[in-house]
Amino acid sequence: MKKTLSRQRGVVLIVSLIFLLLLSILVSTMIQTNTLQLQMAGNDEAKMESMQRALAIVDFIVDNAKNTPVTGDVGYRICAEHADPDIPVLIDSCDEYVIGITDVALLDEDSGVEVEYFVDRAGPLETAIPFMDESIVSSSTAFSVARQEITVRFDRTDQGGGVSTVSQGYLRLITSPGSISTGTEVVTDILVPEE
């Protein structure tokens, strides 16, 4: 009878070790999964922050009419005042260097962030307003629009952050020659969402 008890104690030990091994594998897998999910959440947060910063730069460019002059033909590119034409990453060629961003907090250049931004002419110099029916809005004939596209690339990979490139369609409302006088040629600006 003593031999049977000693054999049973050995079986219990082996079964316990197998359960302990399975439990260790399960815990290790859960830790790896949770760590991966935490890293993915961090990546999403970094990408979202980069996108928000890029959109803030687009808003800053739109708010200042001097940054988006209505000149040139389709493909005419306006770049940042400080853009280096010898180091093209996103910017292939620039026709004019006038975009000035005075809010240094947007660019965050001291911390190694790479920011590129430019405005392209996306349509003819002036076209009719695309979403106003002249029979309903009588003053629509007094205006035309110039189509532009603002592109911003905000890169924080050197800091372990995200990269985001935002392109925003942009319509500049212009008074037609000989219509109403506003004192300036440009009346208002309209952001058009990309399709």
C-alpha atoms as a PDB file:
ATOM      1  CA  MET A   1       0.000   0.000   0.000  1.00  0.00           C
ATOM      2  CA  LYS A   2       2.898   2.349   0.617  1.00  0.00           C
ATOM      3  CA  LYS A   3       4.150   1.860  -2.953  1.00  0.00           C
ATOM      4  CA  THR A   4       0.772   2.995  -4.386  1.00  0.00           C
ATOM      5  CA  LEU A   5       0.785   6.218  -2.320  1.00  0.00           C
ATOM      6  CA  SER A   6       4.290   7.157  -3.392  1.00  0.00           C
ATOM      7  CA  ARG A   7       3.399   6.661  -7.067  1.00  0.00           C
ATOM      8  CA  GLN A   8       0.299   8.862  -6.677  1.00  0.00           C
ATOM      9  CA  ARG A   9       2.338  11.645  -5.095  1.00  0.00           C
ATOM     10  CA  GLY A  10       4.680  11.625  -8.080  1.00  0.00           C
ATOM     11  CA  VAL A  11       1.761  11.841 -10.540  1.00  0.00           C
ATOM     12  CA  VAL A  12       0.272  14.803  -8.645  1.00  0.00           C
ATOM     13  CA  LEU A  13       3.632  16.584  -8.833  1.00  0.00           C
ATOM     14  CA  ILE A  14       3.909  16.035 -12.615  1.00  0.00           C
ATOM     15  CA  VAL A  15       0.292  17.158 -13.218  1.00  0.00           C
ATOM     16  CA  SER A  16       0.898  20.260 -11.044  1.00  0.00           C
ATOM     17  CA  LEU A  17       4.057  21.132 -13.000  1.00  0.00           C
ATOM     18  CA  ILE A  18       2.191  20.776 -16.321  1.00  0.00           C
ATOM     19  CA  PHE A  19      -0.599  23.122 -15.091  1.00  0.00           C
ATOM     20  CA  LEU A  20       2.024  25.570 -13.817  1.00  0.00           C
ATOM     21  CA  LEU A  21       3.765  25.507 -17.220  1.00  0.00           C
ATOM     22  CA  LEU A  22       0.469  26.098 -19.067  1.00  0.00           C
ATOM     23  CA  LEU A  23      -0.408  28.946 -16.690  1.00  0.00           C
ATOM     24  CA  SER A  24       3.033  30.538 -17.240  1.00  0.00           C
ATOM     25  CA  ILE A  25       2.605  30.351 -21.025  1.00  0.00           C
ATOM     26  CA  LEU A  26      -0.870  31.929 -20.758  1.00  0.00           C
ATOM     27  CA  VAL A  27       0.384  34.782 -18.547  1.00  0.00           C
ATOM     28  CA  SER A  28       3.371  35.402 -20.836  1.00  0.00           C
ATOM     29  CA  THR A  29       1.072  35.583 -23.889  1.00  0.00           C
ATOM     30  CA  MET A  30      -1.269  38.010 -22.121  1.00  0.00           C
ATOM     31  CA  ILE A  31       1.648  40.279 -21.172  1.00  0.00           C
ATOM     32  CA  GLN A  32       2.937  40.323 -24.759  1.00  0.00           C
ATOM     33  CA  THR A  33      -0.544  41.072 -26.106  1.00  0.00           C
ATOM     34  CA  ASN A  34      -1.088  43.929 -23.658  1.00  0.00           C
ATOM     35  CA  THR A  35       2.343  45.395 -24.445  1.00  0.00           C
ATOM     36  CA  LEU A  36       1.592  45.261 -28.175  1.00  0.00           C
ATOM     37  CA  GLN A  37      -1.783  46.955 -27.653  1.00  0.00           C
ATOM     38  CA  LEU A  38      -0.118  49.690 -25.600  1.00  0.00           C
ATOM     39  CA  GLN A  39       2.433  50.306 -28.368  1.00  0.00           C
ATOM     40  CA  MET A  40      -0.322  50.433 -31.006  1.00  0.00           C
ATOM     41  CA  ALA A  41      -2.255  52.962 -28.919  1.00  0.00           C
ATOM     42  CA  GLY A  42       0.899  55.076 -28.598  1.00  0.00           C
ATOM     43  CA  ASN A  43       1.440  54.948 -32.368  1.00  0.00           C
ATOM     44  CA  ASP A  44      -2.169  56.013 -32.989  1.00  0.00           C
ATOM     45  CA  GLU A  45      -1.783  58.902 -30.565  1.00  0.00           C
ATOM     46  CA  ALA A  46       1.479  60.045 -32.223  1.00  0.00           C
ATOM     47  CA  LYS A  47      -0.088  59.886 -35.700  1.00  0.00           C
ATOM     48  CA  MET A  48      -3.182  61.778 -34.526  1.00  0.00           C
ATOM     49  CA  GLU A  49      -1.023  64.481 -32.933  1.00  0.00           C
ATOM     50  CA  SER A  50       0.988  64.852 -36.160  1.00  0.00           C
ATOM     51  CA  MET A  51      -2.222  65.105 -38.181  1.00  0.00           C
ATOM     52  CA  GLN A  52      -3.648  67.765 -35.837  1.00  0.00           C
ATOM     53  CA  ARG A  53      -0.416  69.773 -36.074  1.00  0.00           C
ATOM     54  CA  ALA A  54      -0.503  69.521 -39.903  1.00  0.00           C
ATOM     55  CA  LEU A  55      -4.137  70.703 -39.931  1.00  0.00           C
ATOM     56  CA  ALA A  56      -3.204  73.632 -37.662  1.00  0.00           C
ATOM     57  CA  ILE A  57      -0.549  74.663 -40.193  1.00  0.00           C
ATOM     58  CA  VAL A  58      -3.141  74.446 -43.005  1.00  0.00           C
ATOM     59  CA  ASP A  59      -5.457  76.703 -40.968  1.00  0.00           C
ATOM     60  CA  PHE A  60      -2.628  79.182 -40.369  1.00  0.00           C
ATOM     61  CA  ILE A  61      -1.830  79.317 -44.107  1.00  0.00           C
ATOM     62  CA  VAL A  62      -5.508  79.857 -44.975  1.00  0.00           C
ATOM     63  CA  ASP A  63      -5.926  82.616 -42.371  1.00  0.00           C
ATOM     64  CA  ASN A  64      -3.304  84.808 -44.065  1.00  0.00           C
ATOM     65  CA  ALA A  65      -4.184  85.722 -47.682  1.00  0.00           C
ATOM     66  CA  LYS A  66      -0.538  86.689 -48.351  1.00  0.00           C
ATOM     67  CA  ASN A  67       0.367  82.985 -48.040  1.00  0.00           C
ATOM     68  CA  THR A  68      -1.840  81.979 -50.971  1.00  0.00           C
ATOM     69  CA  PRO A  69      -1.613  84.620 -53.693  1.00  0.00           C
ATOM     70  CA  VAL A  70      -3.677  83.968 -56.804  1.00  0.00           C
ATOM     71  CA  THR A  71      -0.901  83.931 -59.399  1.00  0.00           C
ATOM     72  CA  GLY A  72       0.477  81.608 -62.031  1.00  0.00           C
ATOM     73  CA  ASP A  73      -1.175  78.833 -63.999  1.00  0.00           C
ATOM     74  CA  VAL A  74      -2.177  75.272 -63.098  1.00  0.00           C
ATOM     75  CA  GLY A  75       0.700  73.618 -61.239  1.00  0.00           C
ATOM     76  CA  TYR A  76       2.170  76.918 -59.997  1.00  0.00           C
ATOM     77  CA  ARG A  77       3.703  76.126 -56.593  1.00  0.00           C
ATOM     78  CA  ILE A  78       4.136  78.518 -53.679  1.00  0.00           C
ATOM     79  CA  CYS A  79       6.495  77.319 -50.927  1.00  0.00           C
ATOM     80  CA  ALA A  80       7.694  78.419 -47.516  1.00  0.00           C
ATOM     81  CA  GLU A  81       9.963  81.457 -47.283  1.00  0.00           C
ATOM     82  CA  HIS A  82      12.713  79.325 -45.744  1.00  0.00           C
ATOM     83  CA  ALA A  83      12.322  76.238 -47.994  1.00  0.00           C
ATOM     84  CA  ASP A  84      15.659  74.861 -49.189  1.00  0.00           C
ATOM     85  CA  PRO A  85      15.394  74.129 -52.932  1.00  0.00           C
ATOM     86  CA  ASP A  86      18.495  71.891 -52.777  1.00  0.00           C
ATOM     87  CA  ILE A  87      16.893  69.395 -50.362  1.00  0.00           C
ATOM     88  CA  PRO A  88      13.587  68.343 -51.942  1.00  0.00           C
ATOM     89  CA  VAL A  89      11.730  65.681 -50.011  1.00  0.00           C
ATOM     90  CA  LEU A  90       8.111  66.478 -50.711  1.00  0.00           C
ATOM     91  CA  ILE A  91       8.706  69.708 -52.596  1.00  0.00           C
ATOM     92  CA  ASP A  92       9.844  69.003 -56.166  1.00  0.00           C
ATOM     93  CA  SER A  93      10.126  72.574 -57.378  1.00  0.00           C
ATOM     94  CA  CYS A  94       8.837  75.924 -56.242  1.00  0.00           C
ATOM     95  CA  ASP A  95       7.870  78.901 -58.371  1.00  0.00           C
ATOM     96  CA  GLU A  96       7.651  81.346 -55.472  1.00  0.00           C
ATOM     97  CA  TYR A  97       8.800  81.402 -51.819  1.00  0.00           C
ATOM     98  CA  VAL A  98       6.332  83.531 -49.848  1.00  0.00           C
ATOM     99  CA  ILE A  99       4.512  81.393 -47.258  1.00  0.00           C
ATOM    100  CA  GLY A 100       5.464  82.709 -43.853  1.00  0.00           C
ATOM    101  CA  ILE A 101       4.449  81.031 -40.624  1.00  0.00           C
ATOM    102  CA  THR A 102       5.118  83.345 -37.707  1.00  0.00           C
ATOM    103  CA  ASP A 103       3.830  80.982 -35.014  1.00  0.00           C
ATOM    104  CA  VAL A 104       7.010  79.028 -34.196  1.00  0.00           C
ATOM    105  CA  ALA A 105       5.061  76.724 -31.876  1.00  0.00           C
ATOM    106  CA  LEU A 106       3.316  75.258 -34.931  1.00  0.00           C
ATOM    107  CA  LEU A 107       6.577  74.294 -36.606  1.00  0.00           C
ATOM    108  CA  ASP A 108       8.382  73.060 -33.462  1.00  0.00           C
ATOM    109  CA  GLU A 109      11.648  73.053 -35.457  1.00  0.00           C
ATOM    110  CA  ASP A 110      13.920  73.211 -32.401  1.00  0.00           C
ATOM    111  CA  SER A 111      12.962  69.672 -31.410  1.00  0.00           C
ATOM    112  CA  GLY A 112      13.927  68.047 -34.721  1.00  0.00           C
ATOM    113  CA  VAL A 113      10.492  68.100 -36.362  1.00  0.00           C
ATOM    114  CA  GLU A 114      10.540  68.250 -40.167  1.00  0.00           C
ATOM    115  CA  VAL A 115       7.721  70.359 -41.602  1.00  0.00           C
ATOM    116  CA  GLU A 116       7.106  70.940 -45.296  1.00  0.00           C
ATOM    117  CA  TYR A 117       4.218  72.920 -46.730  1.00  0.00           C
ATOM    118  CA  PHE A 118       3.265  74.384 -50.079  1.00  0.00           C
ATOM    119  CA  VAL A 119       0.280  75.597 -52.102  1.00  0.00           C
ATOM    120  CA  ASP A 120      -0.403  74.374 -55.658  1.00  0.00           C
ATOM    121  CA  ARG A 121      -2.699  75.932 -58.240  1.00  0.00           C
ATOM    122  CA  ALA A 122      -5.237  73.190 -58.949  1.00  0.00           C
ATOM    123  CA  GLY A 123      -7.414  74.899 -61.499  1.00  0.00           C
ATOM    124  CA  PRO A 124      -7.628  77.766 -63.955  1.00  0.00           C
ATOM    125  CA  LEU A 125      -7.036  81.303 -62.767  1.00  0.00           C
ATOM    126  CA  GLU A 126     -10.738  81.981 -62.305  1.00  0.00           C
ATOM    127  CA  THR A 127     -13.830  79.796 -62.719  1.00  0.00           C
ATOM    128  CA  ALA A 128     -17.483  80.086 -61.782  1.00  0.00           C
ATOM    129  CA  ILE A 129     -18.497  79.200 -58.247  1.00  0.00           C
ATOM    130  CA  PRO A 130     -19.150  75.436 -58.445  1.00  0.00           C
ATOM    131  CA  PHE A 131     -21.898  75.075 -55.868  1.00  0.00           C
ATOM    132  CA  MET A 132     -24.087  78.147 -56.345  1.00  0.00           C
ATOM    133  CA  ASP A 133     -26.983  78.257 -58.784  1.00  0.00           C
ATOM    134  CA  GLU A 134     -27.036  81.679 -60.441  1.00  0.00           C
ATOM    135  CA  SER A 135     -30.849  81.632 -60.670  1.00  0.00           C
ATOM    136  CA  ILE A 136     -31.116  81.339 -56.870  1.00  0.00           C
ATOM    137  CA  VAL A 137     -28.211  83.531 -55.774  1.00  0.00           C
ATOM    138  CA  SER A 138     -28.164  86.635 -57.962  1.00  0.00           C
ATOM    139  CA  SER A 139     -24.861  87.923 -56.577  1.00  0.00           C
ATOM    140  CA  SER A 140     -22.985  84.745 -57.570  1.00  0.00           C
ATOM    141  CA  THR A 141     -22.275  86.257 -61.006  1.00  0.00           C
ATOM    142  CA  ALA A 142     -20.244  88.978 -59.294  1.00  0.00           C
ATOM    143  CA  PHE A 143     -17.722  86.408 -58.038  1.00  0.00           C
ATOM    144  CA  SER A 144     -15.423  83.723 -59.354  1.00  0.00           C
ATOM    145  CA  VAL A 145     -13.074  81.306 -57.615  1.00  0.00           C
ATOM    146  CA  ALA A 146      -9.445  80.277 -57.873  1.00  0.00           C
ATOM    147  CA  ARG A 147      -8.776  76.645 -56.935  1.00  0.00           C
ATOM    148  CA  GLN A 148      -5.706  75.804 -54.884  1.00  0.00           C
ATOM    149  CA  GLU A 149      -4.471  72.844 -52.853  1.00  0.00           C
ATOM    150  CA  ILE A 150      -2.528  73.218 -49.612  1.00  0.00           C
ATOM    151  CA  THR A 151      -0.244  70.316 -48.677  1.00  0.00           C
ATOM    152  CA  VAL A 152       1.500  69.948 -45.315  1.00  0.00           C
ATOM    153  CA  ARG A 153       3.822  67.126 -44.218  1.00  0.00           C
ATOM    154  CA  PHE A 154       4.577  66.978 -40.488  1.00  0.00           C
ATOM    155  CA  ASP A 155       7.284  64.426 -39.595  1.00  0.00           C
ATOM    156  CA  ARG A 156       8.228  63.561 -35.994  1.00  0.00           C
ATOM    157  CA  THR A 157       9.921  60.203 -36.628  1.00  0.00           C
ATOM    158  CA  ASP A 158      13.232  61.416 -35.159  1.00  0.00           C
ATOM    159  CA  GLN A 159      11.387  61.950 -31.867  1.00  0.00           C
ATOM    160  CA  GLY A 160       9.612  58.613 -32.034  1.00  0.00           C
ATOM    161  CA  GLY A 161       6.430  60.319 -33.181  1.00  0.00           C
ATOM    162  CA  GLY A 162       4.258  59.975 -36.247  1.00  0.00           C
ATOM    163  CA  VAL A 163       4.233  61.306 -39.785  1.00  0.00           C
ATOM    164  CA  SER A 164       1.203  62.894 -41.363  1.00  0.00           C
ATOM    165  CA  THR A 165       0.618  64.432 -44.776  1.00  0.00           C
ATOM    166  CA  VAL A 166      -2.524  66.520 -45.228  1.00  0.00           C
ATOM    167  CA  SER A 167      -3.785  67.909 -48.546  1.00  0.00           C
ATOM    168  CA  GLN A 168      -6.677  70.356 -48.360  1.00  0.00           C
ATOM    169  CA  GLY A 169      -8.579  71.699 -51.347  1.00  0.00           C
ATOM    170  CA  TYR A 170      -9.092  75.454 -51.177  1.00  0.00           C
ATOM    171  CA  LEU A 171     -11.291  77.885 -53.119  1.00  0.00           C
ATOM    172  CA  ARG A 172     -10.452  81.575 -53.033  1.00  0.00           C
ATOM    173  CA  LEU A 173     -13.524  83.734 -53.747  1.00  0.00           C
ATOM    174  CA  ILE A 174     -12.669  86.678 -56.035  1.00  0.00           C
ATOM    175  CA  THR A 175     -14.803  89.578 -57.188  1.00  0.00           C
ATOM    176  CA  SER A 176     -15.316  89.605 -60.957  1.00  0.00           C
ATOM    177  CA  PRO A 177     -14.003  92.647 -62.828  1.00  0.00           C
ATOM    178  CA  GLY A 178     -16.552  95.445 -63.146  1.00  0.00           C
ATOM    179  CA  SER A 179     -18.904  94.004 -60.524  1.00  0.00           C
ATOM    180  CA  ILE A 180     -19.064  95.205 -56.933  1.00  0.00           C
ATOM    181  CA  SER A 181     -16.244  97.056 -55.235  1.00  0.00           C
ATOM    182  CA  THR A 182     -14.952  95.709 -51.951  1.00  0.00           C
ATOM    183  CA  GLY A 183     -11.730  97.685 -51.718  1.00  0.00           C
ATOM    184  CA  THR A 184      -9.720  94.489 -52.193  1.00  0.00           C
ATOM    185  CA  GLU A 185      -9.866  91.778 -54.815  1.00  0.00           C
ATOM    186  CA  VAL A 186     -10.139  88.833 -52.420  1.00  0.00           C
ATOM    187  CA  VAL A 187     -13.414  88.653 -50.503  1.00  0.00           C
ATOM    188  CA  THR A 188     -13.367  85.355 -48.618  1.00  0.00           C
ATOM    189  CA  ASP A 189     -11.899  81.876 -48.614  1.00  0.00           C
ATOM    190  CA  ILE A 190     -13.631  78.505 -48.720  1.00  0.00           C
ATOM    191  CA  LEU A 191     -12.079  75.203 -47.655  1.00  0.00           C
ATOM    192  CA  VAL A 192     -13.245  72.278 -49.750  1.00  0.00           C
ATOM    193  CA  PRO A 193     -12.938  68.755 -48.316  1.00  0.00           C
ATOM    194  CA  GLU A 194     -10.997  66.254 -50.432  1.00  0.00           C
ATOM    195  CA  GLU A 195     -13.062  63.472 -51.963  1.00  0.00           C
END
